[in-house]
Amino acid sequence: MTTEYRYGDGSANLYVVTPTTIEYDPMKPKYSSSGIYDGGEPVKKTITPEEFAEITIQIEKAFANKSEHIQNREKGTGSVSVFGATQNNGSFILARGSKAKRELEAALKKVVGND
């Protein structure tokens, strides 16, 4: 099974990452709690092994930093799910404002091109 990462940011935008692709599925105003938030345009593109490696590093750092995990998904938190990895499969939630959340989102946005 191929490794796949799914990340839902604090605004319910979704990133899906595999070793060769990244897909960004943004929140649209009609589905947002405010009725006006727009996460932008969707993106699906090929990524390099180096880009995948950087995202993997950020996911692993976030997984290891248990002090920044919380139990319940709330607005502003980040939800990470890992599938098919040799270790650390499962899901966890990153606290709003946490360093791990900021660094992971920066890496994802850089690869998607909406940084």
Protein backbone atom coordinates (compact mmCIF):
# COMPACT_ATOMS: atom_id res chain seq x y z
CA MET A 1 0.00 0.00 0.00
CA THR A 2 1.26 3.46 -0.89
CA THR A 3 1.73 5.97 1.91
CA GLU A 4 -0.95 8.64 1.99
CA TYR A 5 -1.26 11.64 4.27
CA ARG A 6 -4.50 13.56 4.76
CA TYR A 7 -4.46 16.89 6.51
CA GLY A 8 -7.48 19.03 7.34
CA ASP A 9 -6.49 22.52 8.40
CA GLY A 10 -8.33 24.79 10.82
CA SER A 11 -10.55 26.14 8.04
CA ALA A 12 -11.51 22.65 6.75
CA ASN A 13 -9.31 22.82 3.66
CA LEU A 14 -8.06 19.30 2.84
CA TYR A 15 -4.62 18.26 1.61
CA VAL A 16 -4.04 14.71 0.32
CA VAL A 17 -0.41 13.73 -0.25
CA THR A 18 1.08 10.59 -1.80
CA PRO A 19 4.71 10.01 -2.78
CA THR A 20 3.98 11.41 -6.26
CA THR A 21 1.02 13.82 -5.91
CA ILE A 22 -0.53 16.49 -3.77
CA GLU A 23 -4.17 17.49 -3.92
CA TYR A 24 -5.66 20.56 -2.27
CA ASP A 25 -9.43 20.59 -1.81
CA PRO A 26 -10.38 24.02 -0.48
CA MET A 27 -13.38 25.01 1.62
CA LYS A 28 -15.97 26.91 -0.38
CA PRO A 29 -18.16 29.72 0.96
CA LYS A 30 -21.41 27.77 0.72
CA TYR A 31 -19.99 25.12 3.08
CA SER A 32 -18.08 27.39 5.48
CA SER A 33 -19.45 28.27 8.89
CA SER A 34 -19.26 31.98 8.05
CA GLY A 35 -20.79 31.56 4.61
CA ILE A 36 -18.04 33.75 3.14
CA TYR A 37 -14.71 31.97 3.74
CA ASP A 38 -13.13 30.74 0.50
CA GLY A 39 -10.04 28.54 0.61
CA GLY A 40 -9.13 29.35 -2.97
CA GLU A 41 -8.81 27.14 -6.01
CA PRO A 42 -8.35 23.38 -5.94
CA VAL A 43 -4.96 22.00 -6.94
CA LYS A 44 -3.80 18.55 -8.00
CA LYS A 45 -0.23 18.17 -9.16
CA THR A 46 2.81 15.93 -9.27
CA ILE A 47 5.40 16.42 -6.55
CA THR A 48 9.09 15.56 -6.37
CA PRO A 49 10.60 12.98 -4.01
CA GLU A 50 12.20 15.89 -2.13
CA GLU A 51 8.84 17.61 -1.62
CA PHE A 52 7.31 14.37 -0.37
CA ALA A 53 10.28 13.86 1.97
CA GLU A 54 9.85 17.36 3.45
CA ILE A 55 6.16 16.76 4.11
CA THR A 56 6.98 13.36 5.63
CA ILE A 57 9.51 15.00 7.96
CA GLN A 58 6.91 17.53 9.12
CA ILE A 59 4.28 14.80 9.66
CA GLU A 60 6.75 12.70 11.66
CA LYS A 61 7.79 15.70 13.77
CA ALA A 62 4.15 16.53 14.44
CA PHE A 63 3.40 12.90 15.35
CA ALA A 64 6.33 12.76 17.76
CA ASN A 65 5.42 16.03 19.50
CA LYS A 66 2.59 14.61 21.64
CA SER A 67 2.46 17.76 23.78
CA GLU A 68 0.90 19.58 20.81
CA HIS A 69 -1.84 16.96 20.29
CA ILE A 70 -5.37 17.42 21.60
CA GLN A 71 -8.27 15.01 21.97
CA ASN A 72 -11.10 16.77 20.15
CA ARG A 73 -11.30 18.41 16.74
CA GLU A 74 -12.18 22.09 17.11
CA LYS A 75 -12.19 25.05 14.77
CA GLY A 76 -8.61 26.15 14.16
CA THR A 77 -7.03 22.76 14.87
CA GLY A 78 -5.32 20.49 12.33
CA SER A 79 -6.30 16.89 11.73
CA VAL A 80 -3.64 14.47 10.43
CA SER A 81 -4.31 10.95 9.12
CA VAL A 82 -1.58 8.60 7.95
CA PHE A 83 -2.29 5.51 5.82
CA GLY A 84 0.04 2.84 4.46
CA ALA A 85 3.19 4.03 6.22
CA THR A 86 5.56 1.48 7.66
CA GLN A 87 5.02 3.09 11.07
CA ASN A 88 2.90 5.77 12.73
CA ASN A 89 -0.35 4.89 10.92
CA GLY A 90 -3.41 6.50 12.44
CA SER A 91 -4.79 9.93 13.19
CA PHE A 92 -4.08 12.77 15.57
CA ILE A 93 -5.17 16.37 16.09
CA LEU A 94 -2.77 19.30 16.36
CA ALA A 95 -3.68 22.15 18.70
CA ARG A 96 -4.53 25.56 17.31
CA GLY A 97 -1.44 27.75 17.15
CA SER A 98 0.98 24.88 17.77
CA LYS A 99 4.43 24.99 16.22
CA ALA A 100 3.95 21.57 14.58
CA LYS A 101 0.72 22.77 12.95
CA ARG A 102 2.34 25.94 11.62
CA GLU A 103 5.35 24.07 10.21
CA LEU A 104 3.28 21.35 8.59
CA GLU A 105 0.93 23.89 6.98
CA ALA A 106 3.89 25.93 5.71
CA ALA A 107 5.36 22.83 4.03
CA LEU A 108 2.01 21.88 2.47
CA LYS A 109 1.30 25.40 1.22
CA LYS A 110 4.76 25.69 -0.28
CA VAL A 111 4.30 22.48 -2.29
CA VAL A 112 0.76 23.37 -3.37
CA GLY A 113 1.88 26.87 -4.30
CA ASN A 114 -0.48 28.84 -2.07
CA ASP A 115 2.08 29.99 0.50
